[in-house]
Amino acid sequence: MEYKVICALVLVSVLALSTLAETQSETCVMAPRERKNCGFPGVTASQCTSRGCCFDDTIPGFPWCFTPKTIDVPPEDECEF
């Protein structure tokens, strides 16, 4: 019985904190054609990242400084009774 109380308290805490947590995250992993330019001609890696952007100069013909991709974070598993 005690483990159910602890589990319920954990669940309530997680739910309370989840209202404060973001449900989205960002990633720099994407297909080159998905890149949206975030820089300017001649931008350096440090200038790019200081703007909150991603930098990858390994693929010619696509933006090297680009906006991160927003991804949805799936909800965590809930405690089962």
PDB file of N, CA and C in Angstrom:
ATOM      1  N   MET A   1       0.830  -1.194   0.000  1.00  0.00           N
ATOM      2  CA  MET A   1       0.000   0.000   0.000  1.00  0.00           C
ATOM      3  C   MET A   1       0.874   1.258   0.000  1.00  0.00           C
ATOM      4  N   GLU A   2       1.992   1.208   0.735  1.00  0.00           N
ATOM      5  CA  GLU A   2       2.851   2.380   0.836  1.00  0.00           C
ATOM      6  C   GLU A   2       3.440   2.768  -0.523  1.00  0.00           C
ATOM      7  N   TYR A   3       3.788   1.781  -1.354  1.00  0.00           N
ATOM      8  CA  TYR A   3       4.355   2.086  -2.667  1.00  0.00           C
ATOM      9  C   TYR A   3       3.342   2.814  -3.542  1.00  0.00           C
ATOM     10  N   LYS A   4       2.051   2.545  -3.353  1.00  0.00           N
ATOM     11  CA  LYS A   4       1.030   3.253  -4.125  1.00  0.00           C
ATOM     12  C   LYS A   4       0.978   4.724  -3.734  1.00  0.00           C
ATOM     13  N   VAL A   5       1.155   5.009  -2.458  1.00  0.00           N
ATOM     14  CA  VAL A   5       1.157   6.395  -1.987  1.00  0.00           C
ATOM     15  C   VAL A   5       2.371   7.124  -2.557  1.00  0.00           C
ATOM     16  N   ILE A   6       3.513   6.476  -2.516  1.00  0.00           N
ATOM     17  CA  ILE A   6       4.723   7.082  -3.057  1.00  0.00           C
ATOM     18  C   ILE A   6       4.568   7.313  -4.558  1.00  0.00           C
ATOM     19  N   CYS A   7       4.027   6.333  -5.240  1.00  0.00           N
ATOM     20  CA  CYS A   7       3.815   6.446  -6.678  1.00  0.00           C
ATOM     21  C   CYS A   7       2.855   7.598  -6.987  1.00  0.00           C
ATOM     22  N   ALA A   8       1.808   7.732  -6.209  1.00  0.00           N
ATOM     23  CA  ALA A   8       0.845   8.814  -6.408  1.00  0.00           C
ATOM     24  C   ALA A   8       1.500  10.174  -6.176  1.00  0.00           C
ATOM     25  N   LEU A   9       2.347  10.275  -5.149  1.00  0.00           N
ATOM     26  CA  LEU A   9       3.044  11.533  -4.883  1.00  0.00           C
ATOM     27  C   LEU A   9       4.009  11.876  -6.015  1.00  0.00           C
ATOM     28  N   VAL A  10       4.695  10.877  -6.525  1.00  0.00           N
ATOM     29  CA  VAL A  10       5.608  11.107  -7.648  1.00  0.00           C
ATOM     30  C   VAL A  10       4.818  11.568  -8.865  1.00  0.00           C
ATOM     31  N   LEU A  11       3.702  10.928  -9.119  1.00  0.00           N
ATOM     32  CA  LEU A  11       2.879  11.293 -10.268  1.00  0.00           C
ATOM     33  C   LEU A  11       2.389  12.729 -10.162  1.00  0.00           C
ATOM     34  N   VAL A  12       1.917  13.114  -8.988  1.00  0.00           N
ATOM     35  CA  VAL A  12       1.443  14.488  -8.778  1.00  0.00           C
ATOM     36  C   VAL A  12       2.591  15.477  -8.969  1.00  0.00           C
ATOM     37  N   SER A  13       3.771  15.132  -8.473  1.00  0.00           N
ATOM     38  CA  SER A  13       4.932  16.016  -8.640  1.00  0.00           C
ATOM     39  C   SER A  13       5.312  16.162 -10.107  1.00  0.00           C
ATOM     40  N   VAL A  14       5.322  15.051 -10.829  1.00  0.00           N
ATOM     41  CA  VAL A  14       5.667  15.089 -12.251  1.00  0.00           C
ATOM     42  C   VAL A  14       4.643  15.913 -13.024  1.00  0.00           C
ATOM     43  N   LEU A  15       3.381  15.737 -12.723  1.00  0.00           N
ATOM     44  CA  LEU A  15       2.352  16.512 -13.407  1.00  0.00           C
ATOM     45  C   LEU A  15       2.480  18.001 -13.110  1.00  0.00           C
ATOM     46  N   ALA A  16       2.804  18.318 -11.874  1.00  0.00           N
ATOM     47  CA  ALA A  16       2.978  19.727 -11.511  1.00  0.00           C
ATOM     48  C   ALA A  16       4.177  20.327 -12.224  1.00  0.00           C
ATOM     49  N   LEU A  17       5.264  19.583 -12.290  1.00  0.00           N
ATOM     50  CA  LEU A  17       6.457  20.081 -12.967  1.00  0.00           C
ATOM     51  C   LEU A  17       6.285  20.108 -14.474  1.00  0.00           C
ATOM     52  N   SER A  18       5.482  19.216 -15.016  1.00  0.00           N
ATOM     53  CA  SER A  18       5.310  19.170 -16.464  1.00  0.00           C
ATOM     54  C   SER A  18       4.592  20.401 -16.989  1.00  0.00           C
ATOM     55  N   THR A  19       3.828  21.059 -16.150  1.00  0.00           N
ATOM     56  CA  THR A  19       3.178  22.288 -16.586  1.00  0.00           C
ATOM     57  C   THR A  19       4.203  23.396 -16.761  1.00  0.00           C
ATOM     58  N   LEU A  20       5.353  23.280 -16.065  1.00  0.00           N
ATOM     59  CA  LEU A  20       6.407  24.267 -16.187  1.00  0.00           C
ATOM     60  C   LEU A  20       7.382  23.919 -17.308  1.00  0.00           C
ATOM     61  N   ALA A  21       7.503  22.650 -17.630  1.00  0.00           N
ATOM     62  CA  ALA A  21       8.463  22.192 -18.629  1.00  0.00           C
ATOM     63  C   ALA A  21       7.928  22.430 -20.041  1.00  0.00           C
ATOM     64  N   GLU A  22       8.849  22.623 -20.966  1.00  0.00           N
ATOM     65  CA  GLU A  22       8.461  22.789 -22.362  1.00  0.00           C
ATOM     66  C   GLU A  22       8.116  21.433 -22.954  1.00  0.00           C
ATOM     67  N   THR A  23       7.208  21.438 -23.900  1.00  0.00           N
ATOM     68  CA  THR A  23       6.840  20.195 -24.567  1.00  0.00           C
ATOM     69  C   THR A  23       7.509  20.101 -25.927  1.00  0.00           C
ATOM     70  N   GLN A  24       8.416  21.035 -26.215  1.00  0.00           N
ATOM     71  CA  GLN A  24       9.129  21.015 -27.480  1.00  0.00           C
ATOM     72  C   GLN A  24      10.621  21.174 -27.215  1.00  0.00           C
ATOM     73  N   SER A  25      11.395  20.682 -28.131  1.00  0.00           N
ATOM     74  CA  SER A  25      12.839  20.788 -28.055  1.00  0.00           C
ATOM     75  C   SER A  25      13.355  21.165 -29.436  1.00  0.00           C
ATOM     76  N   GLU A  26      14.645  21.445 -29.515  1.00  0.00           N
ATOM     77  CA  GLU A  26      15.231  21.805 -30.792  1.00  0.00           C
ATOM     78  C   GLU A  26      16.377  20.866 -31.128  1.00  0.00           C
ATOM     79  N   THR A  27      16.584  20.649 -32.426  1.00  0.00           N
ATOM     80  CA  THR A  27      17.680  19.814 -32.892  1.00  0.00           C
ATOM     81  C   THR A  27      18.294  20.423 -34.136  1.00  0.00           C
ATOM     82  N   CYS A  28      19.566  20.150 -34.340  1.00  0.00           N
ATOM     83  CA  CYS A  28      20.259  20.595 -35.554  1.00  0.00           C
ATOM     84  C   CYS A  28      20.299  19.480 -36.591  1.00  0.00           C
ATOM     85  N   VAL A  29      19.768  18.312 -36.249  1.00  0.00           N
ATOM     86  CA  VAL A  29      19.768  17.178 -37.163  1.00  0.00           C
ATOM     87  C   VAL A  29      18.538  17.274 -38.060  1.00  0.00           C
ATOM     88  N   MET A  30      18.810  17.486 -39.354  1.00  0.00           N
ATOM     89  CA  MET A  30      17.724  17.596 -40.332  1.00  0.00           C
ATOM     90  C   MET A  30      18.308  17.419 -41.724  1.00  0.00           C
ATOM     91  N   ALA A  31      17.442  17.178 -42.676  1.00  0.00           N
ATOM     92  CA  ALA A  31      17.872  17.081 -44.067  1.00  0.00           C
ATOM     93  C   ALA A  31      18.347  18.459 -44.526  1.00  0.00           C
ATOM     94  N   PRO A  32      19.377  18.523 -45.367  1.00  0.00           N
ATOM     95  CA  PRO A  32      19.873  19.826 -45.831  1.00  0.00           C
ATOM     96  C   PRO A  32      18.790  20.705 -46.455  1.00  0.00           C
ATOM     97  N   ARG A  33      17.848  20.112 -47.165  1.00  0.00           N
ATOM     98  CA  ARG A  33      16.798  20.910 -47.814  1.00  0.00           C
ATOM     99  C   ARG A  33      15.841  21.546 -46.796  1.00  0.00           C
ATOM    100  N   GLU A  34      15.854  21.074 -45.538  1.00  0.00           N
ATOM    101  CA  GLU A  34      14.998  21.645 -44.491  1.00  0.00           C
ATOM    102  C   GLU A  34      15.618  22.876 -43.831  1.00  0.00           C
ATOM    103  N   ARG A  35      16.868  23.138 -44.107  1.00  0.00           N
ATOM    104  CA  ARG A  35      17.578  24.242 -43.451  1.00  0.00           C
ATOM    105  C   ARG A  35      17.015  25.595 -43.869  1.00  0.00           C
ATOM    106  N   LYS A  36      16.803  26.454 -42.863  1.00  0.00           N
ATOM    107  CA  LYS A  36      16.375  27.832 -43.095  1.00  0.00           C
ATOM    108  C   LYS A  36      17.509  28.741 -42.625  1.00  0.00           C
ATOM    109  N   ASN A  37      17.985  29.584 -43.515  1.00  0.00           N
ATOM    110  CA  ASN A  37      19.141  30.426 -43.246  1.00  0.00           C
ATOM    111  C   ASN A  37      18.949  31.273 -41.989  1.00  0.00           C
ATOM    112  N   CYS A  38      19.982  31.292 -41.166  1.00  0.00           N
ATOM    113  CA  CYS A  38      19.942  32.037 -39.907  1.00  0.00           C
ATOM    114  C   CYS A  38      21.133  32.999 -39.817  1.00  0.00           C
ATOM    115  N   GLY A  39      21.989  32.967 -40.820  1.00  0.00           N
ATOM    116  CA  GLY A  39      23.205  33.765 -40.759  1.00  0.00           C
ATOM    117  C   GLY A  39      23.281  34.793 -41.860  1.00  0.00           C
ATOM    118  N   PHE A  40      24.500  35.124 -42.216  1.00  0.00           N
ATOM    119  CA  PHE A  40      24.792  36.101 -43.257  1.00  0.00           C
ATOM    120  C   PHE A  40      26.057  35.635 -43.958  1.00  0.00           C
ATOM    121  N   PRO A  41      26.349  36.149 -45.129  1.00  0.00           N
ATOM    122  CA  PRO A  41      27.561  35.718 -45.842  1.00  0.00           C
ATOM    123  C   PRO A  41      28.811  35.924 -44.987  1.00  0.00           C
ATOM    124  N   GLY A  42      29.615  34.874 -44.875  1.00  0.00           N
ATOM    125  CA  GLY A  42      30.851  34.949 -44.100  1.00  0.00           C
ATOM    126  C   GLY A  42      30.685  34.715 -42.610  1.00  0.00           C
ATOM    127  N   VAL A  43      29.510  34.317 -42.155  1.00  0.00           N
ATOM    128  CA  VAL A  43      29.276  34.088 -40.731  1.00  0.00           C
ATOM    129  C   VAL A  43      30.204  32.974 -40.236  1.00  0.00           C
ATOM    130  N   THR A  44      30.745  33.155 -39.040  1.00  0.00           N
ATOM    131  CA  THR A  44      31.600  32.132 -38.443  1.00  0.00           C
ATOM    132  C   THR A  44      30.760  31.212 -37.566  1.00  0.00           C
ATOM    133  N   ALA A  45      31.332  30.082 -37.200  1.00  0.00           N
ATOM    134  CA  ALA A  45      30.619  29.134 -36.342  1.00  0.00           C
ATOM    135  C   ALA A  45      30.262  29.780 -35.000  1.00  0.00           C
ATOM    136  N   SER A  46      31.176  30.536 -34.424  1.00  0.00           N
ATOM    137  CA  SER A  46      30.885  31.153 -33.122  1.00  0.00           C
ATOM    138  C   SER A  46      29.813  32.238 -33.236  1.00  0.00           C
ATOM    139  N   GLN A  47      29.830  32.998 -34.320  1.00  0.00           N
ATOM    140  CA  GLN A  47      28.781  34.009 -34.523  1.00  0.00           C
ATOM    141  C   GLN A  47      27.426  33.336 -34.686  1.00  0.00           C
ATOM    142  N   CYS A  48      27.421  32.238 -35.426  1.00  0.00           N
ATOM    143  CA  CYS A  48      26.179  31.513 -35.688  1.00  0.00           C
ATOM    144  C   CYS A  48      25.590  30.953 -34.392  1.00  0.00           C
ATOM    145  N   THR A  49      26.410  30.253 -33.624  1.00  0.00           N
ATOM    146  CA  THR A  49      25.903  29.630 -32.391  1.00  0.00           C
ATOM    147  C   THR A  49      25.539  30.674 -31.343  1.00  0.00           C
ATOM    148  N   SER A  50      26.197  31.834 -31.370  1.00  0.00           N
ATOM    149  CA  SER A  50      25.830  32.886 -30.407  1.00  0.00           C
ATOM    150  C   SER A  50      24.451  33.466 -30.715  1.00  0.00           C
ATOM    151  N   ARG A  51      23.980  33.262 -31.946  1.00  0.00           N
ATOM    152  CA  ARG A  51      22.628  33.695 -32.336  1.00  0.00           C
ATOM    153  C   ARG A  51      21.583  32.634 -32.024  1.00  0.00           C
ATOM    154  N   GLY A  52      22.033  31.477 -31.481  1.00  0.00           N
ATOM    155  CA  GLY A  52      21.114  30.384 -31.177  1.00  0.00           C
ATOM    156  C   GLY A  52      20.831  29.502 -32.381  1.00  0.00           C
ATOM    157  N   CYS A  53      21.721  29.559 -33.371  1.00  0.00           N
ATOM    158  CA  CYS A  53      21.536  28.798 -34.602  1.00  0.00           C
ATOM    159  C   CYS A  53      22.503  27.616 -34.656  1.00  0.00           C
ATOM    160  N   CYS A  54      22.286  26.753 -35.628  1.00  0.00           N
ATOM    161  CA  CYS A  54      23.141  25.593 -35.863  1.00  0.00           C
ATOM    162  C   CYS A  54      24.158  25.956 -36.938  1.00  0.00           C
ATOM    163  N   PHE A  55      25.349  25.335 -36.876  1.00  0.00           N
ATOM    164  CA  PHE A  55      26.380  25.580 -37.871  1.00  0.00           C
ATOM    165  C   PHE A  55      26.915  24.256 -38.380  1.00  0.00           C
ATOM    166  N   ASP A  56      26.916  24.091 -39.710  1.00  0.00           N
ATOM    167  CA  ASP A  56      27.459  22.901 -40.352  1.00  0.00           C
ATOM    168  C   ASP A  56      27.876  23.299 -41.764  1.00  0.00           C
ATOM    169  N   ASP A  57      29.194  23.385 -41.977  1.00  0.00           N
ATOM    170  CA  ASP A  57      29.697  23.828 -43.281  1.00  0.00           C
ATOM    171  C   ASP A  57      30.159  22.670 -44.161  1.00  0.00           C
ATOM    172  N   THR A  58      29.680  21.461 -43.880  1.00  0.00           N
ATOM    173  CA  THR A  58      30.133  20.290 -44.621  1.00  0.00           C
ATOM    174  C   THR A  58      29.312  19.994 -45.869  1.00  0.00           C
ATOM    175  N   ILE A  59      28.189  20.690 -46.068  1.00  0.00           N
ATOM    176  CA  ILE A  59      27.332  20.406 -47.221  1.00  0.00           C
ATOM    177  C   ILE A  59      27.243  21.653 -48.100  1.00  0.00           C
ATOM    178  N   PRO A  60      27.987  21.662 -49.224  1.00  0.00           N
ATOM    179  CA  PRO A  60      27.955  22.822 -50.113  1.00  0.00           C
ATOM    180  C   PRO A  60      26.571  23.015 -50.737  1.00  0.00           C
ATOM    181  N   GLY A  61      26.224  24.272 -50.965  1.00  0.00           N
ATOM    182  CA  GLY A  61      24.964  24.581 -51.634  1.00  0.00           C
ATOM    183  C   GLY A  61      23.780  24.724 -50.700  1.00  0.00           C
ATOM    184  N   PHE A  62      24.005  24.554 -49.406  1.00  0.00           N
ATOM    185  CA  PHE A  62      22.933  24.702 -48.421  1.00  0.00           C
ATOM    186  C   PHE A  62      23.423  25.637 -47.319  1.00  0.00           C
ATOM    187  N   PRO A  63      22.499  26.304 -46.622  1.00  0.00           N
ATOM    188  CA  PRO A  63      22.933  27.228 -45.557  1.00  0.00           C
ATOM    189  C   PRO A  63      23.814  26.519 -44.522  1.00  0.00           C
ATOM    190  N   TRP A  64      24.893  27.197 -44.150  1.00  0.00           N
ATOM    191  CA  TRP A  64      25.781  26.662 -43.125  1.00  0.00           C
ATOM    192  C   TRP A  64      25.303  27.067 -41.735  1.00  0.00           C
ATOM    193  N   CYS A  65      24.706  28.216 -41.635  1.00  0.00           N
ATOM    194  CA  CYS A  65      24.139  28.701 -40.370  1.00  0.00           C
ATOM    195  C   CYS A  65      22.628  28.663 -40.540  1.00  0.00           C
ATOM    196  N   PHE A  66      21.975  27.823 -39.759  1.00  0.00           N
ATOM    197  CA  PHE A  66      20.541  27.605 -39.983  1.00  0.00           C
ATOM    198  C   PHE A  66      19.786  27.465 -38.671  1.00  0.00           C
ATOM    199  N   THR A  67      18.491  27.733 -38.766  1.00  0.00           N
ATOM    200  CA  THR A  67      17.601  27.683 -37.608  1.00  0.00           C
ATOM    201  C   THR A  67      17.406  26.238 -37.152  1.00  0.00           C
ATOM    202  N   PRO A  68      17.495  25.978 -35.837  1.00  0.00           N
ATOM    203  CA  PRO A  68      17.252  24.614 -35.357  1.00  0.00           C
ATOM    204  C   PRO A  68      15.818  24.170 -35.640  1.00  0.00           C
ATOM    205  N   LYS A  69      15.655  22.883 -35.785  1.00  0.00           N
ATOM    206  CA  LYS A  69      14.337  22.293 -36.042  1.00  0.00           C
ATOM    207  C   LYS A  69      13.644  22.026 -34.710  1.00  0.00           C
ATOM    208  N   THR A  70      12.390  22.412 -34.607  1.00  0.00           N
ATOM    209  CA  THR A  70      11.608  22.172 -33.399  1.00  0.00           C
ATOM    210  C   THR A  70      10.989  20.785 -33.476  1.00  0.00           C
ATOM    211  N   ILE A  71      11.158  20.027 -32.391  1.00  0.00           N
ATOM    212  CA  ILE A  71      10.570  18.689 -32.322  1.00  0.00           C
ATOM    213  C   ILE A  71       9.717  18.581 -31.071  1.00  0.00           C
ATOM    214  N   ASP A  72       8.649  17.803 -31.157  1.00  0.00           N
ATOM    215  CA  ASP A  72       7.802  17.566 -30.000  1.00  0.00           C
ATOM    216  C   ASP A  72       8.434  16.495 -29.127  1.00  0.00           C
ATOM    217  N   VAL A  73       8.390  16.725 -27.818  1.00  0.00           N
ATOM    218  CA  VAL A  73       8.912  15.760 -26.863  1.00  0.00           C
ATOM    219  C   VAL A  73       7.732  14.923 -26.374  1.00  0.00           C
ATOM    220  N   PRO A  74       7.787  13.607 -26.554  1.00  0.00           N
ATOM    221  CA  PRO A  74       6.664  12.786 -26.096  1.00  0.00           C
ATOM    222  C   PRO A  74       6.561  12.793 -24.579  1.00  0.00           C
ATOM    223  N   PRO A  75       5.350  12.690 -24.048  1.00  0.00           N
ATOM    224  CA  PRO A  75       5.194  12.664 -22.583  1.00  0.00           C
ATOM    225  C   PRO A  75       5.847  11.429 -21.996  1.00  0.00           C
ATOM    226  N   GLU A  76       6.308  11.564 -20.754  1.00  0.00           N
ATOM    227  CA  GLU A  76       6.922  10.438 -20.067  1.00  0.00           C
ATOM    228  C   GLU A  76       5.867   9.439 -19.639  1.00  0.00           C
ATOM    229  N   ASP A  77       6.291   8.192 -19.447  1.00  0.00           N
ATOM    230  CA  ASP A  77       5.371   7.160 -18.988  1.00  0.00           C
ATOM    231  C   ASP A  77       4.838   7.509 -17.610  1.00  0.00           C
ATOM    232  N   GLU A  78       3.579   7.194 -17.398  1.00  0.00           N
ATOM    233  CA  GLU A  78       2.974   7.478 -16.106  1.00  0.00           C
ATOM    234  C   GLU A  78       3.059   6.246 -15.222  1.00  0.00           C
ATOM    235  N   CYS A  79       2.974   6.476 -13.954  1.00  0.00           N
ATOM    236  CA  CYS A  79       3.014   5.412 -12.957  1.00  0.00           C
ATOM    237  C   CYS A  79       1.669   4.670 -12.961  1.00  0.00           C
ATOM    238  N   GLU A  80       1.728   3.351 -13.067  1.00  0.00           N
ATOM    239  CA  GLU A  80       0.491   2.568 -13.096  1.00  0.00           C
ATOM    240  C   GLU A  80       0.180   2.022 -11.712  1.00  0.00           C
ATOM    241  N   PHE A  81      -1.078   2.009 -11.389  1.00  0.00           N
ATOM    242  CA  PHE A  81      -1.503   1.481 -10.087  1.00  0.00           C
ATOM    243  C   PHE A  81      -1.956   0.060 -10.229  1.00  0.00           C
TER     244      PHE A  81
END
